[in-house]
């Protein structure tokens, strides 16, 4: 019986404690590995979403930007000359919040405490294209070919169908342009690239979010023969290549609305820069960072990357967000305006 009792003896307390410690170490190692894998997955997923959002934003703005200044052939043929008092096809505001009532003519300056500080407003105008017109009855609208969209992706069903012999009707029809406005505002608690649009260029205006997480939106305008805050010089030839890039506030000529509009008609390209951010907790790096929305080009051979378009008078061209555990990505590109803006 003594031998049987010895064979049936269990673990000692020390052995049990050792086994528990070993098991706890294994569990902690598994939890740590799972946490690291989870954080890595979140980072990779957030980076992928940022790239997708950046590509979509660039594709949309480029498509709408390429439409800027388009005139339907039936209306362009009836315009004898460009009216200097007519609103230009391009416009914008620097470091501004959109005015919901008068989005094309008024804005509010952003303050440093507002999310999206330094972000600009871009205003684009263009006509829809006719599929065919009703030449027998000019009171009826012409059918649109559905190729022109606003910044929300909407098309229009019809466009004005003026009498070619009546210049006033042609001018009124030309003024009825699609307006797409890109700007930054808060949507569902996050900064977003917003689209405000009108199919007629007048109220009612509709605003919808386009891309979530855009906290910095910068615009520069490539102009030909324009000096900041001065009337444009008379062109010696048909201008189509920009020789400098200006901010929206540099296009304004004090006391002369017509000269301001003339400056906007000299825009030949648009330079866009954005900073997009992911959801909180997606970044494993909490260090402070500086972002250059207009890209990595240097202002000089010895300059820091990104300083080519950065300016202390243009808030947001050098962007330093508070470290908050978010991934961020810059997107920059240039749109060449292929349509005549009406000199």
C-alpha atoms as a PDB file:
ATOM      1  CA  UNK A   1       0.000   0.000   0.000  1.00  0.00           C
ATOM      2  CA  UNK A   2       2.930   2.299   0.654  1.00  0.00           C
ATOM      3  CA  UNK A   3       4.107   1.927  -2.980  1.00  0.00           C
ATOM      4  CA  UNK A   4       0.539   2.613  -4.279  1.00  0.00           C
ATOM      5  CA  UNK A   5       0.212   5.845  -2.275  1.00  0.00           C
ATOM      6  CA  UNK A   6       3.539   7.094  -3.627  1.00  0.00           C
ATOM      7  CA  UNK A   7       2.441   6.497  -7.222  1.00  0.00           C
ATOM      8  CA  UNK A   8      -0.860   8.470  -6.702  1.00  0.00           C
ATOM      9  CA  UNK A   9       0.750  11.599  -5.240  1.00  0.00           C
ATOM     10  CA  UNK A  10      -0.225  14.929  -7.126  1.00  0.00           C
ATOM     11  CA  UNK A  11       1.671  18.159  -7.906  1.00  0.00           C
ATOM     12  CA  UNK A  12       3.276  20.110  -5.172  1.00  0.00           C
ATOM     13  CA  UNK A  13       2.342  23.772  -4.620  1.00  0.00           C
ATOM     14  CA  UNK A  14       5.658  24.926  -6.077  1.00  0.00           C
ATOM     15  CA  UNK A  15       5.134  22.884  -9.246  1.00  0.00           C
ATOM     16  CA  UNK A  16       1.626  24.301  -9.611  1.00  0.00           C
ATOM     17  CA  UNK A  17       2.866  27.866  -9.243  1.00  0.00           C
ATOM     18  CA  UNK A  18       5.625  27.298 -11.792  1.00  0.00           C
ATOM     19  CA  UNK A  19       3.103  25.889 -14.285  1.00  0.00           C
ATOM     20  CA  UNK A  20       0.796  28.870 -13.737  1.00  0.00           C
ATOM     21  CA  UNK A  21       3.636  31.338 -14.294  1.00  0.00           C
ATOM     22  CA  UNK A  22       4.686  29.600 -17.505  1.00  0.00           C
ATOM     23  CA  UNK A  23       1.074  29.583 -18.741  1.00  0.00           C
ATOM     24  CA  UNK A  24       0.664  33.280 -17.868  1.00  0.00           C
ATOM     25  CA  UNK A  25       3.839  34.177 -19.782  1.00  0.00           C
ATOM     26  CA  UNK A  26       2.543  32.288 -22.841  1.00  0.00           C
ATOM     27  CA  UNK A  27      -0.839  34.071 -22.621  1.00  0.00           C
ATOM     28  CA  UNK A  28       0.805  37.493 -22.255  1.00  0.00           C
ATOM     29  CA  UNK A  29       3.068  36.796 -25.229  1.00  0.00           C
ATOM     30  CA  UNK A  30       0.060  35.743 -27.316  1.00  0.00           C
ATOM     31  CA  UNK A  31      -1.887  38.849 -26.312  1.00  0.00           C
ATOM     32  CA  UNK A  32       1.094  41.085 -27.116  1.00  0.00           C
ATOM     33  CA  UNK A  33       1.539  39.437 -30.515  1.00  0.00           C
ATOM     34  CA  UNK A  34      -2.182  39.800 -31.237  1.00  0.00           C
ATOM     35  CA  UNK A  35      -2.124  43.488 -30.208  1.00  0.00           C
ATOM     36  CA  UNK A  36       0.882  44.233 -32.418  1.00  0.00           C
ATOM     37  CA  UNK A  37      -0.712  42.372 -35.334  1.00  0.00           C
ATOM     38  CA  UNK A  38      -3.975  44.253 -34.801  1.00  0.00           C
ATOM     39  CA  UNK A  39      -2.244  47.625 -34.738  1.00  0.00           C
ATOM     40  CA  UNK A  40      -0.272  46.699 -37.838  1.00  0.00           C
ATOM     41  CA  UNK A  41      -3.466  45.676 -39.619  1.00  0.00           C
ATOM     42  CA  UNK A  42      -5.146  48.976 -38.648  1.00  0.00           C
ATOM     43  CA  UNK A  43      -2.154  50.938 -39.935  1.00  0.00           C
ATOM     44  CA  UNK A  44      -2.047  49.086 -43.248  1.00  0.00           C
ATOM     45  CA  UNK A  45      -5.821  49.422 -43.668  1.00  0.00           C
ATOM     46  CA  UNK A  46      -5.742  53.155 -42.856  1.00  0.00           C
ATOM     47  CA  UNK A  47      -2.874  53.729 -45.289  1.00  0.00           C
ATOM     48  CA  UNK A  48      -4.799  51.915 -48.022  1.00  0.00           C
ATOM     49  CA  UNK A  49      -7.901  54.019 -47.356  1.00  0.00           C
ATOM     50  CA  UNK A  50      -5.838  57.217 -47.476  1.00  0.00           C
ATOM     51  CA  UNK A  51      -4.402  56.246 -50.867  1.00  0.00           C
ATOM     52  CA  UNK A  52      -7.868  55.431 -52.217  1.00  0.00           C
ATOM     53  CA  UNK A  53      -9.301  58.704 -50.905  1.00  0.00           C
ATOM     54  CA  UNK A  54      -6.411  60.662 -52.393  1.00  0.00           C
ATOM     55  CA  UNK A  55      -6.828  59.040 -55.814  1.00  0.00           C
ATOM     56  CA  UNK A  56     -10.571  59.634 -55.811  1.00  0.00           C
ATOM     57  CA  UNK A  57     -10.189  63.287 -54.792  1.00  0.00           C
ATOM     58  CA  UNK A  58      -7.549  63.879 -57.480  1.00  0.00           C
ATOM     59  CA  UNK A  59      -9.628  62.180 -60.196  1.00  0.00           C
ATOM     60  CA  UNK A  60     -12.767  64.145 -59.292  1.00  0.00           C
ATOM     61  CA  UNK A  61     -11.093  67.562 -59.063  1.00  0.00           C
ATOM     62  CA  UNK A  62      -9.159  66.965 -62.285  1.00  0.00           C
ATOM     63  CA  UNK A  63     -12.291  65.978 -64.188  1.00  0.00           C
ATOM     64  CA  UNK A  64     -14.313  68.948 -62.946  1.00  0.00           C
ATOM     65  CA  UNK A  65     -11.338  71.270 -63.401  1.00  0.00           C
ATOM     66  CA  UNK A  66     -10.876  70.188 -67.021  1.00  0.00           C
ATOM     67  CA  UNK A  67     -14.495  71.198 -67.694  1.00  0.00           C
ATOM     68  CA  UNK A  68     -13.922  74.752 -66.449  1.00  0.00           C
ATOM     69  CA  UNK A  69     -14.797  77.372 -69.046  1.00  0.00           C
ATOM     70  CA  UNK A  70     -16.521  74.951 -71.396  1.00  0.00           C
ATOM     71  CA  UNK A  71     -19.170  76.589 -73.591  1.00  0.00           C
ATOM     72  CA  UNK A  72     -21.761  74.768 -75.583  1.00  0.00           C
ATOM     73  CA  UNK A  73     -21.112  75.272 -79.288  1.00  0.00           C
ATOM     74  CA  UNK A  74     -24.582  76.736 -79.930  1.00  0.00           C
ATOM     75  CA  UNK A  75     -24.023  79.443 -77.306  1.00  0.00           C
ATOM     76  CA  UNK A  76     -20.328  80.066 -78.035  1.00  0.00           C
ATOM     77  CA  UNK A  77     -21.182  80.710 -81.686  1.00  0.00           C
ATOM     78  CA  UNK A  78     -23.678  83.392 -80.659  1.00  0.00           C
ATOM     79  CA  UNK A  79     -21.344  85.312 -78.324  1.00  0.00           C
ATOM     80  CA  UNK A  80     -19.749  88.179 -80.213  1.00  0.00           C
ATOM     81  CA  UNK A  81     -17.274  88.932 -77.401  1.00  0.00           C
ATOM     82  CA  UNK A  82     -16.678  88.335 -73.714  1.00  0.00           C
ATOM     83  CA  UNK A  83     -18.530  90.707 -71.374  1.00  0.00           C
ATOM     84  CA  UNK A  84     -16.032  92.219 -68.918  1.00  0.00           C
ATOM     85  CA  UNK A  85     -18.711  92.427 -66.218  1.00  0.00           C
ATOM     86  CA  UNK A  86     -19.608  88.735 -66.406  1.00  0.00           C
ATOM     87  CA  UNK A  87     -18.352  86.476 -63.620  1.00  0.00           C
ATOM     88  CA  UNK A  88     -15.226  84.609 -64.654  1.00  0.00           C
ATOM     89  CA  UNK A  89     -15.243  80.835 -64.983  1.00  0.00           C
ATOM     90  CA  UNK A  90     -12.833  80.542 -62.068  1.00  0.00           C
ATOM     91  CA  UNK A  91     -12.829  82.032 -58.624  1.00  0.00           C
ATOM     92  CA  UNK A  92     -11.844  81.318 -55.085  1.00  0.00           C
ATOM     93  CA  UNK A  93     -10.954  82.516 -51.624  1.00  0.00           C
ATOM     94  CA  UNK A  94      -7.803  82.052 -49.592  1.00  0.00           C
ATOM     95  CA  UNK A  95      -8.005  80.666 -46.020  1.00  0.00           C
ATOM     96  CA  UNK A  96     -11.782  80.953 -45.990  1.00  0.00           C
ATOM     97  CA  UNK A  97     -15.001  79.343 -44.809  1.00  0.00           C
ATOM     98  CA  UNK A  98     -17.821  79.143 -47.337  1.00  0.00           C
ATOM     99  CA  UNK A  99     -20.755  81.516 -47.040  1.00  0.00           C
ATOM    100  CA  UNK A 100     -23.800  79.259 -47.451  1.00  0.00           C
ATOM    101  CA  UNK A 101     -25.997  82.133 -48.692  1.00  0.00           C
ATOM    102  CA  UNK A 102     -23.595  83.692 -51.205  1.00  0.00           C
ATOM    103  CA  UNK A 103     -20.959  81.006 -51.828  1.00  0.00           C
ATOM    104  CA  UNK A 104     -19.493  82.579 -54.983  1.00  0.00           C
ATOM    105  CA  UNK A 105     -19.185  86.144 -53.709  1.00  0.00           C
ATOM    106  CA  UNK A 106     -18.660  86.015 -49.945  1.00  0.00           C
ATOM    107  CA  UNK A 107     -16.651  84.082 -47.388  1.00  0.00           C
ATOM    108  CA  UNK A 108     -15.460  84.200 -43.775  1.00  0.00           C
ATOM    109  CA  UNK A 109     -11.796  84.130 -42.807  1.00  0.00           C
ATOM    110  CA  UNK A 110     -10.738  81.016 -40.892  1.00  0.00           C
ATOM    111  CA  UNK A 111      -9.192  81.353 -37.449  1.00  0.00           C
ATOM    112  CA  UNK A 112      -6.359  79.269 -36.027  1.00  0.00           C
ATOM    113  CA  UNK A 113      -8.726  77.447 -33.652  1.00  0.00           C
ATOM    114  CA  UNK A 114     -10.938  76.159 -36.489  1.00  0.00           C
ATOM    115  CA  UNK A 115     -10.312  72.722 -38.003  1.00  0.00           C
ATOM    116  CA  UNK A 116      -9.171  73.215 -41.567  1.00  0.00           C
ATOM    117  CA  UNK A 117      -7.324  76.443 -40.789  1.00  0.00           C
ATOM    118  CA  UNK A 118      -5.547  77.673 -43.904  1.00  0.00           C
ATOM    119  CA  UNK A 119      -7.802  75.785 -46.320  1.00  0.00           C
ATOM    120  CA  UNK A 120      -8.982  77.528 -49.486  1.00  0.00           C
ATOM    121  CA  UNK A 121     -12.148  77.613 -51.596  1.00  0.00           C
ATOM    122  CA  UNK A 122     -12.145  76.756 -55.321  1.00  0.00           C
ATOM    123  CA  UNK A 123     -15.034  77.866 -57.570  1.00  0.00           C
ATOM    124  CA  UNK A 124     -15.436  76.402 -61.082  1.00  0.00           C
ATOM    125  CA  UNK A 125     -18.034  77.302 -63.730  1.00  0.00           C
ATOM    126  CA  UNK A 126     -18.900  75.593 -67.021  1.00  0.00           C
ATOM    127  CA  UNK A 127     -21.837  74.734 -69.260  1.00  0.00           C
ATOM    128  CA  UNK A 128     -23.396  71.424 -70.081  1.00  0.00           C
ATOM    129  CA  UNK A 129     -23.132  70.136 -73.623  1.00  0.00           C
ATOM    130  CA  UNK A 130     -26.145  69.745 -75.908  1.00  0.00           C
ATOM    131  CA  UNK A 131     -27.045  66.426 -77.465  1.00  0.00           C
ATOM    132  CA  UNK A 132     -29.344  68.252 -79.853  1.00  0.00           C
ATOM    133  CA  UNK A 133     -31.336  71.496 -79.879  1.00  0.00           C
ATOM    134  CA  UNK A 134     -34.844  72.425 -80.897  1.00  0.00           C
ATOM    135  CA  UNK A 135     -34.224  75.115 -83.495  1.00  0.00           C
ATOM    136  CA  UNK A 136     -37.935  75.521 -84.208  1.00  0.00           C
ATOM    137  CA  UNK A 137     -38.894  76.492 -80.677  1.00  0.00           C
ATOM    138  CA  UNK A 138     -36.268  78.397 -78.707  1.00  0.00           C
ATOM    139  CA  UNK A 139     -38.476  78.441 -75.594  1.00  0.00           C
ATOM    140  CA  UNK A 140     -37.796  74.738 -75.090  1.00  0.00           C
ATOM    141  CA  UNK A 141     -34.638  73.564 -73.378  1.00  0.00           C
ATOM    142  CA  UNK A 142     -32.130  71.567 -75.361  1.00  0.00           C
ATOM    143  CA  UNK A 143     -31.383  68.002 -74.297  1.00  0.00           C
ATOM    144  CA  UNK A 144     -28.007  67.597 -72.534  1.00  0.00           C
ATOM    145  CA  UNK A 145     -25.662  64.789 -73.539  1.00  0.00           C
ATOM    146  CA  UNK A 146     -25.016  63.852 -69.860  1.00  0.00           C
ATOM    147  CA  UNK A 147     -21.215  64.097 -70.184  1.00  0.00           C
ATOM    148  CA  UNK A 148     -20.743  67.115 -67.901  1.00  0.00           C
ATOM    149  CA  UNK A 149     -20.964  66.588 -64.153  1.00  0.00           C
ATOM    150  CA  UNK A 150     -20.860  68.790 -61.091  1.00  0.00           C
ATOM    151  CA  UNK A 151     -18.588  68.110 -58.121  1.00  0.00           C
ATOM    152  CA  UNK A 152     -21.144  65.700 -56.674  1.00  0.00           C
ATOM    153  CA  UNK A 153     -21.244  63.647 -59.881  1.00  0.00           C
ATOM    154  CA  UNK A 154     -24.668  64.880 -61.004  1.00  0.00           C
ATOM    155  CA  UNK A 155     -25.540  65.580 -64.620  1.00  0.00           C
ATOM    156  CA  UNK A 156     -28.165  67.965 -65.965  1.00  0.00           C
ATOM    157  CA  UNK A 157     -31.089  66.944 -68.149  1.00  0.00           C
ATOM    158  CA  UNK A 158     -31.252  70.074 -70.284  1.00  0.00           C
ATOM    159  CA  UNK A 159     -29.454  73.309 -71.155  1.00  0.00           C
ATOM    160  CA  UNK A 160     -30.744  76.671 -72.413  1.00  0.00           C
ATOM    161  CA  UNK A 161     -31.713  76.844 -76.071  1.00  0.00           C
ATOM    162  CA  UNK A 162     -31.511  80.543 -77.053  1.00  0.00           C
ATOM    163  CA  UNK A 163     -32.310  82.142 -80.376  1.00  0.00           C
ATOM    164  CA  UNK A 164     -29.060  82.667 -82.284  1.00  0.00           C
ATOM    165  CA  UNK A 165     -30.372  85.971 -83.604  1.00  0.00           C
ATOM    166  CA  UNK A 166     -30.980  87.418 -80.138  1.00  0.00           C
ATOM    167  CA  UNK A 167     -27.662  88.333 -78.428  1.00  0.00           C
ATOM    168  CA  UNK A 168     -29.380  89.041 -75.098  1.00  0.00           C
ATOM    169  CA  UNK A 169     -30.795  85.521 -74.969  1.00  0.00           C
ATOM    170  CA  UNK A 170     -27.393  84.060 -75.842  1.00  0.00           C
ATOM    171  CA  UNK A 171     -25.742  86.035 -73.029  1.00  0.00           C
ATOM    172  CA  UNK A 172     -28.409  84.984 -70.536  1.00  0.00           C
ATOM    173  CA  UNK A 173     -28.003  81.362 -71.586  1.00  0.00           C
ATOM    174  CA  UNK A 174     -24.234  81.581 -71.141  1.00  0.00           C
ATOM    175  CA  UNK A 175     -24.645  82.958 -67.632  1.00  0.00           C
ATOM    176  CA  UNK A 176     -26.623  79.860 -66.709  1.00  0.00           C
ATOM    177  CA  UNK A 177     -23.549  77.778 -65.957  1.00  0.00           C
ATOM    178  CA  UNK A 178     -23.015  74.796 -63.673  1.00  0.00           C
ATOM    179  CA  UNK A 179     -21.093  75.878 -60.580  1.00  0.00           C
ATOM    180  CA  UNK A 180     -18.988  73.457 -58.533  1.00  0.00           C
ATOM    181  CA  UNK A 181     -17.290  74.647 -55.338  1.00  0.00           C
ATOM    182  CA  UNK A 182     -14.678  72.646 -53.422  1.00  0.00           C
ATOM    183  CA  UNK A 183     -13.983  73.579 -49.798  1.00  0.00           C
ATOM    184  CA  UNK A 184     -13.299  72.070 -46.360  1.00  0.00           C
ATOM    185  CA  UNK A 185     -15.904  71.839 -43.594  1.00  0.00           C
ATOM    186  CA  UNK A 186     -16.874  69.524 -40.747  1.00  0.00           C
ATOM    187  CA  UNK A 187     -18.969  66.471 -41.628  1.00  0.00           C
ATOM    188  CA  UNK A 188     -19.942  63.914 -38.967  1.00  0.00           C
ATOM    189  CA  UNK A 189     -17.345  65.325 -36.605  1.00  0.00           C
ATOM    190  CA  UNK A 190     -14.449  65.062 -39.087  1.00  0.00           C
ATOM    191  CA  UNK A 191     -13.015  67.577 -41.579  1.00  0.00           C
ATOM    192  CA  UNK A 192     -14.030  66.694 -45.127  1.00  0.00           C
ATOM    193  CA  UNK A 193     -13.675  67.973 -48.659  1.00  0.00           C
ATOM    194  CA  UNK A 194     -17.124  69.356 -49.396  1.00  0.00           C
ATOM    195  CA  UNK A 195     -18.917  69.984 -52.679  1.00  0.00           C
ATOM    196  CA  UNK A 196     -21.359  72.877 -53.013  1.00  0.00           C
ATOM    197  CA  UNK A 197     -23.083  72.979 -56.380  1.00  0.00           C
ATOM    198  CA  UNK A 198     -25.833  74.536 -58.466  1.00  0.00           C
ATOM    199  CA  UNK A 199     -26.927  73.521 -61.957  1.00  0.00           C
ATOM    200  CA  UNK A 200     -27.893  77.112 -62.823  1.00  0.00           C
ATOM    201  CA  UNK A 201     -25.220  79.150 -61.046  1.00  0.00           C
ATOM    202  CA  UNK A 202     -27.761  80.544 -58.608  1.00  0.00           C
ATOM    203  CA  UNK A 203     -29.701  79.467 -55.521  1.00  0.00           C
ATOM    204  CA  UNK A 204     -30.680  76.940 -54.334  1.00  0.00           C
ATOM    205  CA  UNK A 205     -27.209  75.632 -53.388  1.00  0.00           C
ATOM    206  CA  UNK A 206     -26.610  72.075 -52.240  1.00  0.00           C
ATOM    207  CA  UNK A 207     -23.648  70.991 -50.099  1.00  0.00           C
ATOM    208  CA  UNK A 208     -22.534  67.371 -49.719  1.00  0.00           C
ATOM    209  CA  UNK A 209     -19.329  65.734 -48.364  1.00  0.00           C
ATOM    210  CA  UNK A 210     -17.066  64.198 -50.998  1.00  0.00           C
ATOM    211  CA  UNK A 211     -13.972  62.888 -49.152  1.00  0.00           C
ATOM    212  CA  UNK A 212     -13.792  62.322 -45.403  1.00  0.00           C
ATOM    213  CA  UNK A 213     -10.622  63.276 -43.557  1.00  0.00           C
ATOM    214  CA  UNK A 214      -9.376  66.181 -45.708  1.00  0.00           C
ATOM    215  CA  UNK A 215      -8.096  68.711 -43.170  1.00  0.00           C
ATOM    216  CA  UNK A 216      -6.021  70.903 -45.479  1.00  0.00           C
ATOM    217  CA  UNK A 217      -6.987  72.064 -49.003  1.00  0.00           C
ATOM    218  CA  UNK A 218      -4.670  74.459 -50.835  1.00  0.00           C
ATOM    219  CA  UNK A 219      -5.121  76.107 -54.242  1.00  0.00           C
ATOM    220  CA  UNK A 220      -2.726  78.180 -56.354  1.00  0.00           C
ATOM    221  CA  UNK A 221      -3.569  79.648 -59.746  1.00  0.00           C
ATOM    222  CA  UNK A 222      -1.140  79.557 -62.668  1.00  0.00           C
ATOM    223  CA  UNK A 223      -1.562  82.891 -64.471  1.00  0.00           C
ATOM    224  CA  UNK A 224      -0.140  84.515 -67.576  1.00  0.00           C
ATOM    225  CA  UNK A 225       0.696  88.221 -67.515  1.00  0.00           C
ATOM    226  CA  UNK A 226      -0.760  88.905 -64.072  1.00  0.00           C
ATOM    227  CA  UNK A 227       0.967  90.771 -61.247  1.00  0.00           C
ATOM    228  CA  UNK A 228      -0.345  90.313 -57.719  1.00  0.00           C
ATOM    229  CA  UNK A 229      -3.210  92.729 -56.936  1.00  0.00           C
ATOM    230  CA  UNK A 230      -2.729  94.651 -60.207  1.00  0.00           C
ATOM    231  CA  UNK A 231      -4.667  94.881 -63.457  1.00  0.00           C
ATOM    232  CA  UNK A 232      -3.464  92.410 -66.100  1.00  0.00           C
ATOM    233  CA  UNK A 233      -1.120  93.590 -68.810  1.00  0.00           C
ATOM    234  CA  UNK A 234      -2.275  93.550 -72.419  1.00  0.00           C
ATOM    235  CA  UNK A 235      -1.256  90.217 -73.975  1.00  0.00           C
ATOM    236  CA  UNK A 236       1.126  90.326 -76.931  1.00  0.00           C
ATOM    237  CA  UNK A 237      -0.059  86.925 -78.129  1.00  0.00           C
ATOM    238  CA  UNK A 238      -2.669  84.373 -77.200  1.00  0.00           C
ATOM    239  CA  UNK A 239      -1.564  83.340 -73.688  1.00  0.00           C
ATOM    240  CA  UNK A 240      -1.869  79.741 -72.684  1.00  0.00           C
ATOM    241  CA  UNK A 241       1.127  79.025 -70.441  1.00  0.00           C
ATOM    242  CA  UNK A 242       1.347  80.212 -66.810  1.00  0.00           C
ATOM    243  CA  UNK A 243       4.398  82.252 -65.832  1.00  0.00           C
ATOM    244  CA  UNK A 244       3.650  82.451 -62.093  1.00  0.00           C
ATOM    245  CA  UNK A 245       1.374  81.021 -59.421  1.00  0.00           C
ATOM    246  CA  UNK A 246      -0.750  83.297 -57.236  1.00  0.00           C
ATOM    247  CA  UNK A 247      -3.120  82.921 -54.296  1.00  0.00           C
ATOM    248  CA  UNK A 248      -6.791  83.830 -54.588  1.00  0.00           C
ATOM    249  CA  UNK A 249      -6.313  87.032 -52.574  1.00  0.00           C
ATOM    250  CA  UNK A 250      -3.559  88.127 -55.011  1.00  0.00           C
ATOM    251  CA  UNK A 251      -6.032  88.061 -57.911  1.00  0.00           C
ATOM    252  CA  UNK A 252      -8.027  90.936 -56.443  1.00  0.00           C
ATOM    253  CA  UNK A 253      -7.559  94.486 -57.773  1.00  0.00           C
ATOM    254  CA  UNK A 254      -8.758  96.990 -55.181  1.00  0.00           C
ATOM    255  CA  UNK A 255     -11.594  99.178 -56.424  1.00  0.00           C
ATOM    256  CA  UNK A 256     -11.959  97.386 -59.764  1.00  0.00           C
ATOM    257  CA  UNK A 257     -14.239  94.378 -60.002  1.00  0.00           C
ATOM    258  CA  UNK A 258     -13.752  94.162 -63.775  1.00  0.00           C
ATOM    259  CA  UNK A 259      -9.940  94.040 -63.505  1.00  0.00           C
ATOM    260  CA  UNK A 260     -10.302  91.352 -60.844  1.00  0.00           C
ATOM    261  CA  UNK A 261     -12.449  89.312 -63.218  1.00  0.00           C
ATOM    262  CA  UNK A 262      -9.921  89.930 -65.994  1.00  0.00           C
ATOM    263  CA  UNK A 263      -7.200  88.468 -63.763  1.00  0.00           C
ATOM    264  CA  UNK A 264      -9.273  85.358 -63.162  1.00  0.00           C
ATOM    265  CA  UNK A 265      -9.677  84.963 -66.927  1.00  0.00           C
ATOM    266  CA  UNK A 266      -5.889  84.764 -67.205  1.00  0.00           C
ATOM    267  CA  UNK A 267      -5.709  81.561 -65.147  1.00  0.00           C
ATOM    268  CA  UNK A 268      -4.175  78.787 -67.248  1.00  0.00           C
ATOM    269  CA  UNK A 269      -3.679  76.051 -64.651  1.00  0.00           C
ATOM    270  CA  UNK A 270      -4.615  75.167 -61.084  1.00  0.00           C
ATOM    271  CA  UNK A 271      -2.213  73.733 -58.514  1.00  0.00           C
ATOM    272  CA  UNK A 272      -3.977  71.630 -55.851  1.00  0.00           C
ATOM    273  CA  UNK A 273      -2.497  70.441 -52.556  1.00  0.00           C
ATOM    274  CA  UNK A 274      -4.247  68.431 -49.834  1.00  0.00           C
ATOM    275  CA  UNK A 275      -3.476  66.738 -46.545  1.00  0.00           C
ATOM    276  CA  UNK A 276      -5.699  63.777 -45.669  1.00  0.00           C
ATOM    277  CA  UNK A 277      -5.871  62.127 -42.256  1.00  0.00           C
ATOM    278  CA  UNK A 278      -7.038  58.720 -41.067  1.00  0.00           C
ATOM    279  CA  UNK A 279      -9.048  57.670 -38.014  1.00  0.00           C
ATOM    280  CA  UNK A 280      -7.474  58.059 -34.539  1.00  0.00           C
ATOM    281  CA  UNK A 281      -5.138  55.315 -33.366  1.00  0.00           C
ATOM    282  CA  UNK A 282      -4.046  54.199 -36.821  1.00  0.00           C
ATOM    283  CA  UNK A 283      -0.479  55.478 -36.512  1.00  0.00           C
ATOM    284  CA  UNK A 284       2.146  53.951 -34.258  1.00  0.00           C
ATOM    285  CA  UNK A 285       4.300  57.086 -34.443  1.00  0.00           C
ATOM    286  CA  UNK A 286       3.376  60.011 -32.182  1.00  0.00           C
ATOM    287  CA  UNK A 287       6.255  62.282 -33.263  1.00  0.00           C
ATOM    288  CA  UNK A 288       5.538  65.804 -34.535  1.00  0.00           C
ATOM    289  CA  UNK A 289       5.547  66.107 -38.335  1.00  0.00           C
ATOM    290  CA  UNK A 290       5.481  68.833 -40.985  1.00  0.00           C
ATOM    291  CA  UNK A 291       3.527  68.317 -44.215  1.00  0.00           C
ATOM    292  CA  UNK A 292       3.923  70.216 -47.481  1.00  0.00           C
ATOM    293  CA  UNK A 293       0.575  70.059 -49.355  1.00  0.00           C
ATOM    294  CA  UNK A 294       2.087  71.258 -52.639  1.00  0.00           C
ATOM    295  CA  UNK A 295       4.653  68.493 -52.851  1.00  0.00           C
ATOM    296  CA  UNK A 296       8.318  67.900 -52.182  1.00  0.00           C
ATOM    297  CA  UNK A 297       9.880  70.399 -54.589  1.00  0.00           C
ATOM    298  CA  UNK A 298      12.505  72.662 -52.999  1.00  0.00           C
ATOM    299  CA  UNK A 299      12.417  76.426 -53.059  1.00  0.00           C
ATOM    300  CA  UNK A 300      16.178  76.457 -53.721  1.00  0.00           C
ATOM    301  CA  UNK A 301      19.048  74.039 -54.085  1.00  0.00           C
ATOM    302  CA  UNK A 302      19.636  74.172 -50.344  1.00  0.00           C
ATOM    303  CA  UNK A 303      15.987  74.563 -49.341  1.00  0.00           C
ATOM    304  CA  UNK A 304      13.930  72.087 -47.401  1.00  0.00           C
ATOM    305  CA  UNK A 305      11.735  69.678 -49.349  1.00  0.00           C
ATOM    306  CA  UNK A 306       8.304  71.200 -49.929  1.00  0.00           C
ATOM    307  CA  UNK A 307       9.330  74.849 -49.668  1.00  0.00           C
ATOM    308  CA  UNK A 308       8.884  75.693 -53.374  1.00  0.00           C
ATOM    309  CA  UNK A 309       5.250  76.761 -52.978  1.00  0.00           C
ATOM    310  CA  UNK A 310       5.244  77.397 -49.225  1.00  0.00           C
ATOM    311  CA  UNK A 311       4.666  80.982 -48.091  1.00  0.00           C
ATOM    312  CA  UNK A 312       4.270  82.502 -44.650  1.00  0.00           C
ATOM    313  CA  UNK A 313       1.391  84.600 -46.032  1.00  0.00           C
ATOM    314  CA  UNK A 314      -0.425  81.478 -47.160  1.00  0.00           C
ATOM    315  CA  UNK A 315      -1.472  79.566 -44.062  1.00  0.00           C
ATOM    316  CA  UNK A 316      -1.594  75.851 -44.619  1.00  0.00           C
ATOM    317  CA  UNK A 317       1.188  75.582 -47.200  1.00  0.00           C
ATOM    318  CA  UNK A 318       3.354  74.385 -44.319  1.00  0.00           C
ATOM    319  CA  UNK A 319       1.128  72.197 -42.157  1.00  0.00           C
ATOM    320  CA  UNK A 320       2.075  71.013 -38.659  1.00  0.00           C
ATOM    321  CA  UNK A 321      -0.781  69.099 -37.004  1.00  0.00           C
ATOM    322  CA  UNK A 322      -0.809  68.166 -33.331  1.00  0.00           C
ATOM    323  CA  UNK A 323       0.466  64.577 -32.869  1.00  0.00           C
ATOM    324  CA  UNK A 324      -2.740  62.598 -32.405  1.00  0.00           C
ATOM    325  CA  UNK A 325      -2.054  59.011 -33.490  1.00  0.00           C
ATOM    326  CA  UNK A 326      -3.387  59.485 -37.033  1.00  0.00           C
ATOM    327  CA  UNK A 327      -1.786  58.631 -40.344  1.00  0.00           C
ATOM    328  CA  UNK A 328      -1.556  61.513 -42.813  1.00  0.00           C
ATOM    329  CA  UNK A 329      -0.850  61.746 -46.531  1.00  0.00           C
ATOM    330  CA  UNK A 330      -0.251  64.650 -48.890  1.00  0.00           C
ATOM    331  CA  UNK A 331      -1.722  64.766 -52.395  1.00  0.00           C
ATOM    332  CA  UNK A 332      -0.606  67.353 -54.955  1.00  0.00           C
ATOM    333  CA  UNK A 333      -1.229  67.773 -58.676  1.00  0.00           C
ATOM    334  CA  UNK A 334      -1.656  70.422 -61.369  1.00  0.00           C
ATOM    335  CA  UNK A 335      -4.612  70.800 -63.744  1.00  0.00           C
ATOM    336  CA  UNK A 336      -4.032  72.427 -67.125  1.00  0.00           C
ATOM    337  CA  UNK A 337      -7.207  74.257 -68.177  1.00  0.00           C
ATOM    338  CA  UNK A 338      -7.919  73.175 -71.718  1.00  0.00           C
ATOM    339  CA  UNK A 339     -10.815  75.587 -72.362  1.00  0.00           C
ATOM    340  CA  UNK A 340     -10.493  79.258 -73.221  1.00  0.00           C
ATOM    341  CA  UNK A 341     -11.435  81.248 -70.124  1.00  0.00           C
ATOM    342  CA  UNK A 342     -12.547  84.241 -72.196  1.00  0.00           C
ATOM    343  CA  UNK A 343      -9.924  86.977 -72.344  1.00  0.00           C
END
